[in-house]
Amino acid sequence: MLARRNFFDPFVELQREIDRLFEDFISPTRKDYAFVPRVDAYETDKELIIEAELPGLKKEDVKITIEDGVLTIKGERKFNREDKKKNYRLVERVEGKFERSFTLPEYVDLEKIKAKFEDGVLKIEVPKKEEKARKVIDIKVE
């Protein structure tokens, strides 16, 4: 069941802070990064799909690599806050480096992975290898 957040709820910010503290506790490597993109990952008959929310970024800001069966998304989000004409009263948007990694199953075709970046969402399509018919050989026991 998917839960929707009510952004007008006064406790949402408190919950986010508790979530962040909990994630820092269980994942020490997260501290090296400014933020962790939210990701949905799902599977169809033909492929695995990974969708990452990366608002405010361009495709040039994101790098996707695969090493030893691990797909890694990394990049950096920057905002120009040096404009002296702007007197910021509130700054909530996080900037800095990020990274997410996913171990891919053996049944995917690493050579045919595609990625699209549209409306702040990175979509990575990881096709499955074609299943070959299994050959069964009966062995006679003597």
C-alpha atoms as a PDB file:
ATOM      1  CA  MET A   1       0.000   0.000   0.000  1.00  0.00           C
ATOM      2  CA  LEU A   2       1.377   3.406  -0.940  1.00  0.00           C
ATOM      3  CA  ALA A   3       1.079   6.240   1.538  1.00  0.00           C
ATOM      4  CA  ARG A   4       0.672   9.843   0.490  1.00  0.00           C
ATOM      5  CA  ARG A   5       2.239  12.626   2.466  1.00  0.00           C
ATOM      6  CA  ASN A   6       0.177  15.636   3.319  1.00  0.00           C
ATOM      7  CA  PHE A   7       2.593  18.544   2.902  1.00  0.00           C
ATOM      8  CA  PHE A   8       0.289  20.801   4.886  1.00  0.00           C
ATOM      9  CA  ASP A   9       0.546  18.549   7.925  1.00  0.00           C
ATOM     10  CA  PRO A  10       2.552  20.355  10.651  1.00  0.00           C
ATOM     11  CA  PHE A  11       4.344  17.138  11.577  1.00  0.00           C
ATOM     12  CA  VAL A  12       5.717  16.398   8.097  1.00  0.00           C
ATOM     13  CA  GLU A  13       8.943  18.351   8.677  1.00  0.00           C
ATOM     14  CA  LEU A  14       9.437  16.621  12.024  1.00  0.00           C
ATOM     15  CA  GLN A  15       8.941  13.229  10.360  1.00  0.00           C
ATOM     16  CA  ARG A  16      11.463  14.106   7.631  1.00  0.00           C
ATOM     17  CA  GLU A  17      14.044  15.032  10.245  1.00  0.00           C
ATOM     18  CA  ILE A  18      13.439  11.795  12.171  1.00  0.00           C
ATOM     19  CA  ASP A  19      13.752   9.822   8.909  1.00  0.00           C
ATOM     20  CA  ARG A  20      17.010  11.608   8.075  1.00  0.00           C
ATOM     21  CA  LEU A  21      18.462  10.918  11.523  1.00  0.00           C
ATOM     22  CA  PHE A  22      17.449   7.259  11.324  1.00  0.00           C
ATOM     23  CA  GLU A  23      18.986   6.909   7.847  1.00  0.00           C
ATOM     24  CA  ASP A  24      22.211   8.513   9.119  1.00  0.00           C
ATOM     25  CA  PHE A  25      22.294   6.012  11.972  1.00  0.00           C
ATOM     26  CA  ILE A  26      21.820   2.904   9.818  1.00  0.00           C
ATOM     27  CA  SER A  27      23.800   4.145   6.815  1.00  0.00           C
ATOM     28  CA  PRO A  28      27.014   5.945   7.783  1.00  0.00           C
ATOM     29  CA  THR A  29      28.067   6.403   4.135  1.00  0.00           C
ATOM     30  CA  ARG A  30      25.042   8.635   3.587  1.00  0.00           C
ATOM     31  CA  LYS A  31      26.805  11.370   5.577  1.00  0.00           C
ATOM     32  CA  ASP A  32      29.235  11.813   2.693  1.00  0.00           C
ATOM     33  CA  TYR A  33      26.421  13.095   0.494  1.00  0.00           C
ATOM     34  CA  ALA A  34      24.180  16.134   0.696  1.00  0.00           C
ATOM     35  CA  PHE A  35      21.021  14.223  -0.145  1.00  0.00           C
ATOM     36  CA  VAL A  36      19.744  10.852  -1.281  1.00  0.00           C
ATOM     37  CA  PRO A  37      17.390  10.893  -4.273  1.00  0.00           C
ATOM     38  CA  ARG A  38      14.053   9.139  -3.774  1.00  0.00           C
ATOM     39  CA  VAL A  39      13.804   6.071  -6.000  1.00  0.00           C
ATOM     40  CA  ASP A  40      11.115   3.701  -7.223  1.00  0.00           C
ATOM     41  CA  ALA A  41      12.270   0.344  -8.615  1.00  0.00           C
ATOM     42  CA  TYR A  42       9.942  -2.153 -10.216  1.00  0.00           C
ATOM     43  CA  GLU A  43       9.965  -5.109 -12.566  1.00  0.00           C
ATOM     44  CA  THR A  44       7.942  -6.041 -15.636  1.00  0.00           C
ATOM     45  CA  ASP A  45       8.056  -9.207 -17.717  1.00  0.00           C
ATOM     46  CA  LYS A  46      10.746  -7.697 -19.944  1.00  0.00           C
ATOM     47  CA  GLU A  47      12.765  -5.309 -17.791  1.00  0.00           C
ATOM     48  CA  LEU A  48      13.650  -3.731 -14.472  1.00  0.00           C
ATOM     49  CA  ILE A  49      12.870  -0.028 -14.121  1.00  0.00           C
ATOM     50  CA  ILE A  50      14.574   2.404 -11.751  1.00  0.00           C
ATOM     51  CA  GLU A  51      13.096   5.905 -11.479  1.00  0.00           C
ATOM     52  CA  ALA A  52      14.944   8.533  -9.437  1.00  0.00           C
ATOM     53  CA  GLU A  53      13.605  11.971  -8.501  1.00  0.00           C
ATOM     54  CA  LEU A  54      16.248  14.557  -9.359  1.00  0.00           C
ATOM     55  CA  PRO A  55      14.448  17.914  -9.413  1.00  0.00           C
ATOM     56  CA  GLY A  56      16.482  20.902 -10.502  1.00  0.00           C
ATOM     57  CA  LEU A  57      19.092  18.817 -12.305  1.00  0.00           C
ATOM     58  CA  LYS A  58      19.906  18.450 -15.990  1.00  0.00           C
ATOM     59  CA  LYS A  59      21.052  15.241 -17.632  1.00  0.00           C
ATOM     60  CA  GLU A  60      24.587  16.682 -17.726  1.00  0.00           C
ATOM     61  CA  ASP A  61      24.572  16.768 -13.901  1.00  0.00           C
ATOM     62  CA  VAL A  62      24.038  12.999 -13.609  1.00  0.00           C
ATOM     63  CA  LYS A  63      26.428  10.104 -14.235  1.00  0.00           C
ATOM     64  CA  ILE A  64      25.332   6.456 -14.419  1.00  0.00           C
ATOM     65  CA  THR A  65      27.886   3.645 -14.253  1.00  0.00           C
ATOM     66  CA  ILE A  66      27.925  -0.129 -13.878  1.00  0.00           C
ATOM     67  CA  GLU A  67      30.767  -1.934 -12.182  1.00  0.00           C
ATOM     68  CA  ASP A  68      30.713  -5.601 -11.178  1.00  0.00           C
ATOM     69  CA  GLY A  69      26.933  -5.758 -11.605  1.00  0.00           C
ATOM     70  CA  VAL A  70      26.295  -2.666  -9.473  1.00  0.00           C
ATOM     71  CA  LEU A  71      24.497   0.254 -11.116  1.00  0.00           C
ATOM     72  CA  THR A  72      25.415   3.618  -9.588  1.00  0.00           C
ATOM     73  CA  ILE A  73      23.707   6.970 -10.084  1.00  0.00           C
ATOM     74  CA  LYS A  74      25.717   9.967  -8.933  1.00  0.00           C
ATOM     75  CA  GLY A  75      25.941  13.662  -9.479  1.00  0.00           C
ATOM     76  CA  GLU A  76      25.799  17.060  -7.911  1.00  0.00           C
ATOM     77  CA  ARG A  77      23.022  19.597  -7.488  1.00  0.00           C
ATOM     78  CA  LYS A  78      24.087  23.245  -7.352  1.00  0.00           C
ATOM     79  CA  PHE A  79      22.111  26.421  -6.823  1.00  0.00           C
ATOM     80  CA  ASN A  80      23.355  29.926  -7.483  1.00  0.00           C
ATOM     81  CA  ARG A  81      22.838  31.642  -4.158  1.00  0.00           C
ATOM     82  CA  GLU A  82      25.635  34.154  -4.654  1.00  0.00           C
ATOM     83  CA  ASP A  83      23.302  36.824  -6.062  1.00  0.00           C
ATOM     84  CA  LYS A  84      23.704  39.721  -3.620  1.00  0.00           C
ATOM     85  CA  LYS A  85      20.368  41.193  -4.767  1.00  0.00           C
ATOM     86  CA  LYS A  86      18.558  38.281  -3.162  1.00  0.00           C
ATOM     87  CA  ASN A  87      18.129  38.350   0.587  1.00  0.00           C
ATOM     88  CA  TYR A  88      17.215  34.741   1.386  1.00  0.00           C
ATOM     89  CA  ARG A  89      14.809  34.321   4.302  1.00  0.00           C
ATOM     90  CA  LEU A  90      14.457  30.558   3.989  1.00  0.00           C
ATOM     91  CA  VAL A  91      16.640  27.969   2.251  1.00  0.00           C
ATOM     92  CA  GLU A  92      15.257  24.414   2.181  1.00  0.00           C
ATOM     93  CA  ARG A  93      16.518  23.100  -1.142  1.00  0.00           C
ATOM     94  CA  VAL A  94      19.563  20.925  -0.592  1.00  0.00           C
ATOM     95  CA  GLU A  95      22.594  21.178  -2.803  1.00  0.00           C
ATOM     96  CA  GLY A  96      25.664  19.012  -3.043  1.00  0.00           C
ATOM     97  CA  LYS A  97      26.745  15.568  -4.160  1.00  0.00           C
ATOM     98  CA  PHE A  98      24.578  12.475  -4.179  1.00  0.00           C
ATOM     99  CA  GLU A  99      24.961   8.794  -4.978  1.00  0.00           C
ATOM    100  CA  ARG A 100      22.698   5.712  -5.074  1.00  0.00           C
ATOM    101  CA  SER A 101      23.776   2.176  -5.968  1.00  0.00           C
ATOM    102  CA  PHE A 102      21.778  -0.927  -6.871  1.00  0.00           C
ATOM    103  CA  THR A 103      23.001  -4.499  -7.245  1.00  0.00           C
ATOM    104  CA  LEU A 104      21.501  -5.854 -10.445  1.00  0.00           C
ATOM    105  CA  PRO A 105      20.403  -9.484 -10.777  1.00  0.00           C
ATOM    106  CA  GLU A 106      22.313 -11.815 -13.092  1.00  0.00           C
ATOM    107  CA  TYR A 107      19.372 -12.213 -15.459  1.00  0.00           C
ATOM    108  CA  VAL A 108      19.612  -8.679 -16.898  1.00  0.00           C
ATOM    109  CA  ASP A 109      21.369  -7.582 -20.091  1.00  0.00           C
ATOM    110  CA  LEU A 110      23.920  -4.978 -19.005  1.00  0.00           C
ATOM    111  CA  GLU A 111      24.792  -4.107 -22.614  1.00  0.00           C
ATOM    112  CA  LYS A 112      21.283  -2.859 -23.440  1.00  0.00           C
ATOM    113  CA  ILE A 113      20.545  -0.532 -20.519  1.00  0.00           C
ATOM    114  CA  LYS A 114      18.902   2.768 -21.490  1.00  0.00           C
ATOM    115  CA  ALA A 115      18.344   5.942 -19.492  1.00  0.00           C
ATOM    116  CA  LYS A 116      16.030   8.917 -20.029  1.00  0.00           C
ATOM    117  CA  PHE A 117      15.830  12.163 -18.094  1.00  0.00           C
ATOM    118  CA  GLU A 118      12.548  14.038 -18.251  1.00  0.00           C
ATOM    119  CA  ASP A 119      10.797  16.517 -15.949  1.00  0.00           C
ATOM    120  CA  GLY A 120      13.267  15.948 -13.115  1.00  0.00           C
ATOM    121  CA  VAL A 121      12.899  12.157 -13.184  1.00  0.00           C
ATOM    122  CA  LEU A 122      15.690   9.837 -14.302  1.00  0.00           C
ATOM    123  CA  LYS A 123      14.288   6.591 -15.722  1.00  0.00           C
ATOM    124  CA  ILE A 124      16.678   3.675 -16.203  1.00  0.00           C
ATOM    125  CA  GLU A 125      15.433   0.684 -18.195  1.00  0.00           C
ATOM    126  CA  VAL A 126      17.348  -2.540 -17.579  1.00  0.00           C
ATOM    127  CA  PRO A 127      16.190  -5.248 -20.015  1.00  0.00           C
ATOM    128  CA  LYS A 128      16.125  -8.870 -18.970  1.00  0.00           C
ATOM    129  CA  LYS A 129      18.092 -11.445 -20.953  1.00  0.00           C
ATOM    130  CA  GLU A 130      16.030 -13.662 -23.186  1.00  0.00           C
ATOM    131  CA  GLU A 131      15.266 -16.912 -21.470  1.00  0.00           C
ATOM    132  CA  LYS A 132      16.669 -19.876 -23.297  1.00  0.00           C
ATOM    133  CA  ALA A 133      14.737 -23.094 -23.260  1.00  0.00           C
ATOM    134  CA  ARG A 134      16.230 -25.357 -20.660  1.00  0.00           C
ATOM    135  CA  LYS A 135      17.527 -28.616 -21.939  1.00  0.00           C
ATOM    136  CA  VAL A 136      16.816 -31.502 -19.610  1.00  0.00           C
ATOM    137  CA  ILE A 137      18.869 -34.645 -19.963  1.00  0.00           C
ATOM    138  CA  ASP A 138      17.790 -37.828 -18.240  1.00  0.00           C
ATOM    139  CA  ILE A 139      20.729 -39.817 -16.968  1.00  0.00           C
ATOM    140  CA  LYS A 140      20.335 -43.526 -16.693  1.00  0.00           C
ATOM    141  CA  VAL A 141      21.471 -44.945 -13.393  1.00  0.00           C
ATOM    142  CA  GLU A 142      23.130 -48.357 -13.641  1.00  0.00           C
END
